[in-house]
C-alpha atoms as a PDB file:
ATOM      1  CA  MET A   1      24.889 104.121 349.007  1.00  0.00           C
ATOM      2  CA  ILE A   2      24.610 107.096 346.653  1.00  0.00           C
ATOM      3  CA  ASP A   3      22.261 109.870 347.725  1.00  0.00           C
ATOM      4  CA  ALA A   4      19.318 110.838 345.559  1.00  0.00           C
ATOM      5  CA  GLU A   5      20.098 113.689 343.192  1.00  0.00           C
ATOM      6  CA  LEU A   6      20.200 116.948 345.136  1.00  0.00           C
ATOM      7  CA  SER A   7      19.447 120.485 344.063  1.00  0.00           C
ATOM      8  CA  ILE A   8      22.170 123.124 344.171  1.00  0.00           C
ATOM      9  CA  SER A   9      20.563 124.770 347.199  1.00  0.00           C
ATOM     10  CA  GLU A  10      20.356 121.431 349.028  1.00  0.00           C
ATOM     11  CA  GLN A  11      24.010 120.721 348.312  1.00  0.00           C
ATOM     12  CA  ALA A  12      24.898 124.222 349.500  1.00  0.00           C
ATOM     13  CA  GLY A  13      23.046 123.443 352.726  1.00  0.00           C
ATOM     14  CA  ARG A  14      25.110 120.282 353.212  1.00  0.00           C
ATOM     15  CA  MET A  15      28.286 122.290 352.770  1.00  0.00           C
ATOM     16  CA  ALA A  16      27.158 124.947 355.236  1.00  0.00           C
ATOM     17  CA  VAL A  17      26.413 122.266 357.842  1.00  0.00           C
ATOM     18  CA  LEU A  18      29.835 120.741 357.212  1.00  0.00           C
ATOM     19  CA  GLY A  19      31.447 124.139 357.719  1.00  0.00           C
ATOM     20  CA  GLN A  20      29.759 124.477 361.092  1.00  0.00           C
ATOM     21  CA  GLU A  21      30.956 121.010 362.059  1.00  0.00           C
ATOM     22  CA  VAL A  22      34.543 121.746 361.041  1.00  0.00           C
ATOM     23  CA  GLY A  23      34.627 125.173 362.683  1.00  0.00           C
ATOM     24  CA  LEU A  24      34.920 127.031 359.368  1.00  0.00           C
ATOM     25  CA  PRO A  25      31.387 128.408 358.986  1.00  0.00           C
ATOM     26  CA  GLN A  26      31.971 131.058 356.316  1.00  0.00           C
ATOM     27  CA  VAL A  27      31.673 129.424 352.911  1.00  0.00           C
ATOM     28  CA  ALA A  28      32.386 130.880 349.472  1.00  0.00           C
ATOM     29  CA  ALA A  29      32.181 129.145 346.111  1.00  0.00           C
ATOM     30  CA  TRP A  30      33.339 129.900 342.580  1.00  0.00           C
ATOM     31  CA  ALA A  31      31.802 127.631 339.940  1.00  0.00           C
ATOM     32  CA  ASP A  32      34.271 128.843 337.303  1.00  0.00           C
ATOM     33  CA  ILE A  33      37.069 131.206 338.278  1.00  0.00           C
ATOM     34  CA  SER A  34      37.424 132.340 334.648  1.00  0.00           C
ATOM     35  CA  SER A  35      33.853 133.676 334.562  1.00  0.00           C
ATOM     36  CA  THR A  36      32.512 136.929 336.004  1.00  0.00           C
ATOM     37  CA  ARG A  37      28.911 135.680 335.984  1.00  0.00           C
ATOM     38  CA  PRO A  38      27.714 133.630 338.955  1.00  0.00           C
ATOM     39  CA  VAL A  39      25.648 130.504 338.448  1.00  0.00           C
ATOM     40  CA  VAL A  40      22.026 130.874 339.589  1.00  0.00           C
ATOM     41  CA  ASP A  41      19.892 128.229 341.280  1.00  0.00           C
ATOM     42  CA  ALA A  42      16.412 127.066 340.247  1.00  0.00           C
ATOM     43  CA  ASN A  43      14.913 130.235 341.772  1.00  0.00           C
ATOM     44  CA  GLY A  44      17.248 132.543 339.871  1.00  0.00           C
ATOM     45  CA  GLU A  45      19.269 133.311 343.005  1.00  0.00           C
ATOM     46  CA  PRO A  46      23.045 133.738 342.532  1.00  0.00           C
ATOM     47  CA  VAL A  47      24.728 130.672 344.020  1.00  0.00           C
ATOM     48  CA  PRO A  48      27.053 132.760 346.266  1.00  0.00           C
ATOM     49  CA  HIS A  49      23.963 133.981 348.150  1.00  0.00           C
ATOM     50  CA  LEU A  50      23.320 130.424 349.310  1.00  0.00           C
ATOM     51  CA  PHE A  51      26.198 130.722 351.765  1.00  0.00           C
ATOM     52  CA  ASP A  52      26.806 132.803 354.885  1.00  0.00           C
ATOM     53  CA  PHE A  53      29.939 134.266 353.342  1.00  0.00           C
ATOM     54  CA  ALA A  54      27.818 136.551 351.180  1.00  0.00           C
ATOM     55  CA  ALA A  55      25.165 137.089 353.864  1.00  0.00           C
ATOM     56  CA  HIS A  56      27.782 138.766 356.037  1.00  0.00           C
ATOM     57  CA  GLY A  57      28.069 141.553 353.469  1.00  0.00           C
ATOM     58  CA  ARG A  58      30.984 140.196 351.438  1.00  0.00           C
ATOM     59  CA  ASP A  59      29.604 140.258 347.906  1.00  0.00           C
ATOM     60  CA  TYR A  60      32.819 138.786 346.587  1.00  0.00           C
ATOM     61  CA  TRP A  61      31.159 137.523 343.418  1.00  0.00           C
ATOM     62  CA  LYS A  62      30.547 141.138 342.318  1.00  0.00           C
ATOM     63  CA  GLN A  63      34.317 141.708 342.065  1.00  0.00           C
ATOM     64  CA  PRO A  64      35.241 140.409 338.595  1.00  0.00           C
ATOM     65  CA  ASP A  65      38.987 140.694 339.195  1.00  0.00           C
ATOM     66  CA  LEU A  66      38.993 139.031 342.617  1.00  0.00           C
ATOM     67  CA  THR A  67      40.456 135.741 341.421  1.00  0.00           C
ATOM     68  CA  LEU A  68      43.178 137.660 339.601  1.00  0.00           C
ATOM     69  CA  ARG A  69      44.144 139.712 342.662  1.00  0.00           C
ATOM     70  CA  MET A  70      44.104 137.052 345.381  1.00  0.00           C
ATOM     71  CA  ALA A  71      47.297 135.038 345.738  1.00  0.00           C
ATOM     72  CA  ILE A  72      45.341 132.038 346.973  1.00  0.00           C
ATOM     73  CA  PHE A  73      43.941 131.542 343.466  1.00  0.00           C
ATOM     74  CA  ALA A  74      47.426 131.055 342.052  1.00  0.00           C
ATOM     75  CA  VAL A  75      47.416 127.846 344.079  1.00  0.00           C
ATOM     76  CA  VAL A  76      43.858 126.966 343.022  1.00  0.00           C
ATOM     77  CA  ARG A  77      44.794 127.251 339.341  1.00  0.00           C
ATOM     78  CA  GLN A  78      47.799 124.966 339.641  1.00  0.00           C
ATOM     79  CA  MET A  79      46.730 122.409 342.231  1.00  0.00           C
ATOM     80  CA  SER A  80      43.795 119.990 342.162  1.00  0.00           C
ATOM     81  CA  GLU A  81      43.920 118.753 345.752  1.00  0.00           C
ATOM     82  CA  PRO A  82      42.703 120.537 348.901  1.00  0.00           C
ATOM     83  CA  PHE A  83      44.976 122.783 350.919  1.00  0.00           C
ATOM     84  CA  PHE A  84      44.710 124.998 353.996  1.00  0.00           C
ATOM     85  CA  PHE A  85      45.566 128.623 354.661  1.00  0.00           C
ATOM     86  CA  ASP A  86      46.771 129.267 358.191  1.00  0.00           C
ATOM     87  CA  ASP A  87      47.585 132.913 358.905  1.00  0.00           C
ATOM     88  CA  GLY A  88      49.617 133.413 355.737  1.00  0.00           C
ATOM     89  CA  VAL A  89      50.988 129.876 355.388  1.00  0.00           C
ATOM     90  CA  VAL A  90      49.588 127.147 353.144  1.00  0.00           C
ATOM     91  CA  GLY A  91      49.910 123.382 353.399  1.00  0.00           C
ATOM     92  CA  SER A  92      48.354 120.197 352.038  1.00  0.00           C
ATOM     93  CA  TRP A  93      48.529 116.402 352.105  1.00  0.00           C
ATOM     94  CA  ARG A  94      52.027 116.514 350.689  1.00  0.00           C
ATOM     95  CA  ARG A  95      54.830 119.029 350.531  1.00  0.00           C
ATOM     96  CA  MET A  96      54.006 122.073 348.423  1.00  0.00           C
ATOM     97  CA  VAL A  97      56.676 123.865 346.415  1.00  0.00           C
ATOM     98  CA  LEU A  98      55.865 127.570 346.108  1.00  0.00           C
ATOM     99  CA  ASP A  99      58.091 130.186 344.550  1.00  0.00           C
ATOM    100  CA  GLU A 100      59.338 133.009 346.760  1.00  0.00           C
ATOM    101  CA  ALA A 101      57.104 135.645 345.200  1.00  0.00           C
ATOM    102  CA  LEU A 102      53.948 133.640 345.931  1.00  0.00           C
ATOM    103  CA  VAL A 103      55.089 132.854 349.484  1.00  0.00           C
ATOM    104  CA  GLN A 104      55.515 136.585 350.069  1.00  0.00           C
ATOM    105  CA  GLN A 105      52.111 137.420 348.583  1.00  0.00           C
ATOM    106  CA  LEU A 106      50.407 134.819 350.761  1.00  0.00           C
ATOM    107  CA  ALA A 107      52.169 136.097 353.867  1.00  0.00           C
ATOM    108  CA  GLU A 108      50.952 139.632 353.093  1.00  0.00           C
ATOM    109  CA  PHE A 109      47.412 138.557 352.187  1.00  0.00           C
ATOM    110  CA  ASP A 110      45.171 141.061 354.001  1.00  0.00           C
ATOM    111  CA  THR A 111      41.968 139.355 355.119  1.00  0.00           C
ATOM    112  CA  PRO A 112      40.148 138.888 358.425  1.00  0.00           C
ATOM    113  CA  LEU A 113      39.595 135.250 357.402  1.00  0.00           C
ATOM    114  CA  ARG A 114      43.050 134.103 358.449  1.00  0.00           C
ATOM    115  CA  ARG A 115      42.235 130.395 358.528  1.00  0.00           C
ATOM    116  CA  SER A 116      40.553 128.387 355.815  1.00  0.00           C
ATOM    117  CA  ILE A 117      40.429 125.136 353.882  1.00  0.00           C
ATOM    118  CA  ILE A 118      40.315 125.525 350.122  1.00  0.00           C
ATOM    119  CA  CYS A 119      39.132 122.805 347.729  1.00  0.00           C
ATOM    120  CA  PRO A 120      40.004 123.384 344.064  1.00  0.00           C
ATOM    121  CA  VAL A 121      37.898 121.485 341.541  1.00  0.00           C
ATOM    122  CA  HIS A 122      39.276 120.865 338.052  1.00  0.00           C
ATOM    123  CA  LEU A 123      36.608 119.591 335.657  1.00  0.00           C
ATOM    124  CA  PRO A 124      36.717 118.424 332.023  1.00  0.00           C
ATOM    125  CA  ARG A 125      36.467 121.191 329.428  1.00  0.00           C
ATOM    126  CA  ASN A 126      39.098 123.194 331.317  1.00  0.00           C
ATOM    127  CA  VAL A 127      36.775 124.395 334.067  1.00  0.00           C
ATOM    128  CA  ILE A 128      38.352 125.336 337.394  1.00  0.00           C
ATOM    129  CA  GLY A 129      36.149 126.020 340.399  1.00  0.00           C
ATOM    130  CA  ALA A 130      36.790 126.276 344.118  1.00  0.00           C
ATOM    131  CA  VAL A 131      35.054 126.158 347.478  1.00  0.00           C
ATOM    132  CA  VAL A 132      36.497 127.929 350.520  1.00  0.00           C
ATOM    133  CA  TRP A 133      35.532 127.253 354.131  1.00  0.00           C
ATOM    134  CA  ALA A 134      36.891 129.959 356.444  1.00  0.00           C
ATOM    135  CA  THR A 135      36.765 131.599 359.864  1.00  0.00           C
ATOM    136  CA  GLU A 136      37.953 134.721 361.644  1.00  0.00           C
ATOM    137  CA  GLU A 137      38.404 132.763 364.860  1.00  0.00           C
ATOM    138  CA  VAL A 138      41.606 131.201 366.153  1.00  0.00           C
ATOM    139  CA  MET A 139      41.562 127.443 365.573  1.00  0.00           C
ATOM    140  CA  ASP A 140      43.825 124.519 364.687  1.00  0.00           C
ATOM    141  CA  VAL A 141      43.105 124.524 360.971  1.00  0.00           C
ATOM    142  CA  ARG A 142      45.829 121.955 360.271  1.00  0.00           C
ATOM    143  CA  ALA A 143      44.113 119.419 362.524  1.00  0.00           C
ATOM    144  CA  ALA A 144      40.769 120.195 360.896  1.00  0.00           C
ATOM    145  CA  PHE A 145      42.361 119.680 357.495  1.00  0.00           C
ATOM    146  CA  GLU A 146      43.704 116.257 358.467  1.00  0.00           C
ATOM    147  CA  THR A 147      40.274 115.196 359.722  1.00  0.00           C
ATOM    148  CA  TYR A 148      37.905 116.706 357.192  1.00  0.00           C
ATOM    149  CA  SER A 149      39.728 117.574 353.951  1.00  0.00           C
ATOM    150  CA  GLU A 150      38.770 114.415 352.034  1.00  0.00           C
ATOM    151  CA  ARG A 151      35.112 114.863 352.883  1.00  0.00           C
ATOM    152  CA  MET A 152      35.237 118.561 352.057  1.00  0.00           C
ATOM    153  CA  GLN A 153      36.865 117.867 348.700  1.00  0.00           C
ATOM    154  CA  ALA A 154      34.131 115.378 347.820  1.00  0.00           C
ATOM    155  CA  GLU A 155      31.378 117.865 348.718  1.00  0.00           C
ATOM    156  CA  ALA A 156      33.124 120.644 346.774  1.00  0.00           C
ATOM    157  CA  LEU A 157      33.476 118.433 343.703  1.00  0.00           C
ATOM    158  CA  ARG A 158      29.793 117.559 343.787  1.00  0.00           C
ATOM    159  CA  PHE A 159      28.771 121.187 344.172  1.00  0.00           C
ATOM    160  CA  ILE A 160      31.006 122.622 341.438  1.00  0.00           C
ATOM    161  CA  ALA A 161      29.991 119.821 339.053  1.00  0.00           C
ATOM    162  CA  MET A 162      26.333 120.625 339.707  1.00  0.00           C
ATOM    163  CA  CYS A 163      26.959 124.309 339.037  1.00  0.00           C
ATOM    164  CA  ASP A 164      28.811 123.483 335.828  1.00  0.00           C
ATOM    165  CA  GLU A 165      25.951 121.281 334.661  1.00  0.00           C
ATOM    166  CA  THR A 166      23.447 124.051 335.421  1.00  0.00           C
ATOM    167  CA  ARG A 167      25.420 126.492 333.306  1.00  0.00           C
ATOM    168  CA  ARG A 168      26.454 124.268 330.403  1.00  0.00           C
ATOM    169  CA  GLY A 169      23.876 121.485 330.424  1.00  0.00           C
ATOM    170  CA  ARG A 170      24.376 117.756 330.865  1.00  0.00           C
ATOM    171  CA  GLU A 171      26.300 116.389 327.907  1.00  0.00           C
ATOM    172  CA  PRO A 172      25.923 112.677 327.163  1.00  0.00           C
ATOM    173  CA  ILE A 173      28.997 110.591 327.918  1.00  0.00           C
ATOM    174  CA  GLY A 174      29.975 108.883 324.695  1.00  0.00           C
ATOM    175  CA  ALA A 175      32.504 106.318 323.584  1.00  0.00           C
ATOM    176  CA  ILE A 176      35.119 108.462 321.859  1.00  0.00           C
ATOM    177  CA  LYS A 177      37.480 106.297 319.829  1.00  0.00           C
ATOM    178  CA  LEU A 178      40.296 108.200 318.185  1.00  0.00           C
ATOM    179  CA  THR A 179      42.623 106.429 315.769  1.00  0.00           C
ATOM    180  CA  ARG A 180      46.373 106.216 316.303  1.00  0.00           C
ATOM    181  CA  ARG A 181      46.912 108.681 313.447  1.00  0.00           C
ATOM    182  CA  GLU A 182      44.402 111.155 314.877  1.00  0.00           C
ATOM    183  CA  ILE A 183      46.161 111.012 318.246  1.00  0.00           C
ATOM    184  CA  GLN A 184      49.533 111.570 316.595  1.00  0.00           C
ATOM    185  CA  CYS A 185      48.252 114.633 314.763  1.00  0.00           C
ATOM    186  CA  LEU A 186      46.584 115.995 317.897  1.00  0.00           C
ATOM    187  CA  LYS A 187      49.724 115.509 320.017  1.00  0.00           C
ATOM    188  CA  LEU A 188      51.856 117.407 317.538  1.00  0.00           C
ATOM    189  CA  ALA A 189      49.220 120.127 317.154  1.00  0.00           C
ATOM    190  CA  ALA A 190      49.103 120.464 320.945  1.00  0.00           C
ATOM    191  CA  GLY A 191      52.885 120.857 320.851  1.00  0.00           C
ATOM    192  CA  GLY A 192      52.545 123.888 318.581  1.00  0.00           C
ATOM    193  CA  LYS A 193      53.310 122.259 315.239  1.00  0.00           C
ATOM    194  CA  THR A 194      51.608 123.545 312.102  1.00  0.00           C
ATOM    195  CA  ASP A 195      49.738 121.233 309.767  1.00  0.00           C
ATOM    196  CA  SER A 196      52.622 121.253 307.288  1.00  0.00           C
ATOM    197  CA  GLU A 197      55.151 120.523 310.049  1.00  0.00           C
ATOM    198  CA  ILE A 198      53.007 117.631 311.285  1.00  0.00           C
ATOM    199  CA  GLY A 199      52.897 116.302 307.747  1.00  0.00           C
ATOM    200  CA  VAL A 200      56.695 116.338 307.453  1.00  0.00           C
ATOM    201  CA  ILE A 201      57.124 114.597 310.819  1.00  0.00           C
ATOM    202  CA  LEU A 202      54.552 111.877 310.088  1.00  0.00           C
ATOM    203  CA  GLY A 203      55.235 111.551 306.369  1.00  0.00           C
ATOM    204  CA  LEU A 204      51.753 112.754 305.426  1.00  0.00           C
ATOM    205  CA  SER A 205      50.458 115.435 303.094  1.00  0.00           C
ATOM    206  CA  THR A 206      49.080 118.600 304.674  1.00  0.00           C
ATOM    207  CA  PRO A 207      45.509 117.843 303.452  1.00  0.00           C
ATOM    208  CA  THR A 208      45.757 114.394 305.064  1.00  0.00           C
ATOM    209  CA  VAL A 209      46.801 115.958 308.376  1.00  0.00           C
ATOM    210  CA  ARG A 210      43.815 118.298 308.182  1.00  0.00           C
ATOM    211  CA  PHE A 211      41.594 115.319 307.374  1.00  0.00           C
ATOM    212  CA  HIS A 212      42.700 113.522 310.553  1.00  0.00           C
ATOM    213  CA  LEU A 213      42.252 116.643 312.696  1.00  0.00           C
ATOM    214  CA  LYS A 214      38.799 117.236 311.228  1.00  0.00           C
ATOM    215  CA  ASN A 215      37.777 113.639 311.943  1.00  0.00           C
ATOM    216  CA  ALA A 216      39.064 113.948 315.493  1.00  0.00           C
ATOM    217  CA  GLY A 217      37.085 117.152 315.916  1.00  0.00           C
ATOM    218  CA  GLU A 218      33.870 115.457 314.787  1.00  0.00           C
ATOM    219  CA  LYS A 219      34.398 112.681 317.334  1.00  0.00           C
ATOM    220  CA  LEU A 220      35.215 115.203 320.081  1.00  0.00           C
ATOM    221  CA  GLY A 221      32.268 117.444 319.188  1.00  0.00           C
ATOM    222  CA  ARG A 222      34.419 120.480 318.453  1.00  0.00           C
ATOM    223  CA  THR A 223      35.296 122.585 315.418  1.00  0.00           C
ATOM    224  CA  GLY A 224      38.343 124.751 314.865  1.00  0.00           C
ATOM    225  CA  ARG A 225      41.897 123.602 315.437  1.00  0.00           C
ATOM    226  CA  LEU A 226      42.335 125.280 318.815  1.00  0.00           C
ATOM    227  CA  ARG A 227      39.057 124.018 320.276  1.00  0.00           C
ATOM    228  CA  ILE A 228      39.680 120.489 318.999  1.00  0.00           C
ATOM    229  CA  VAL A 229      43.113 120.392 320.661  1.00  0.00           C
ATOM    230  CA  GLN A 230      41.739 121.907 323.878  1.00  0.00           C
ATOM    231  CA  GLN A 231      38.995 119.296 324.061  1.00  0.00           C
ATOM    232  CA  ALA A 232      41.428 116.467 323.359  1.00  0.00           C
ATOM    233  CA  ALA A 233      43.677 117.756 326.138  1.00  0.00           C
ATOM    234  CA  SER A 234      40.833 118.223 328.619  1.00  0.00           C
ATOM    235  CA  LEU A 235      39.745 114.611 328.070  1.00  0.00           C
ATOM    236  CA  GLY A 236      43.252 113.240 328.477  1.00  0.00           C
ATOM    237  CA  PHE A 237      43.941 112.164 324.899  1.00  0.00           C
ATOM    238  CA  VAL A 238      46.936 114.477 324.618  1.00  0.00           C
ATOM    239  CA  SER A 239      49.038 116.666 326.853  1.00  0.00           C
ATOM    240  CA  THR A 240      49.792 120.343 326.274  1.00  0.00           C
ATOM    241  CA  ARG A 241      52.981 120.108 328.351  1.00  0.00           C
END
């Protein structure tokens, strides 16, 4: 049974209770790691203040370069499943492949919160958020991860999605139907091809290529070549790889 729609503060309360249950009571949340402005709740309170992490004097959200400096966010940016941090070592549901430089940075990560479970949240429109549950106490964080990580990921997803909706509004979910030709043009554009190059590859004139990209943009609700391609990629119509 799906719960009634919660407020951000109510969802934050659920997450705090879960942290106490798990043994990781210090909670921090980033609604969008690319943004330096915190989301505010219905009372105008910055969302980070809803958690004990900030109440203990760690105003992490006031440090605009924090997600650039912390090695843990290199993992958040590139991984969409939960993982744990255990005194300099990270692990997850499956084997993680980290390069040597990142392994070294994680091992040298200077923080009193030596044990934590981190839940990255990757949303449409290229939004990446994260929720961290942490503690300064000695505990078996790997066992906690095995028991609670799926539940924690679900709560983190709900919270970050709510924050994203508060910031950007609730867009209607529409039936976007792109034609085969529009997809072809978008895929090549995502691969770095110019309009004239796309035309040569597909046997189309350059104006016709631009026509298809423009039509795709109207369906995707975006203008400008870059934004159209980004939106198509974020919705899974094309890949930028």
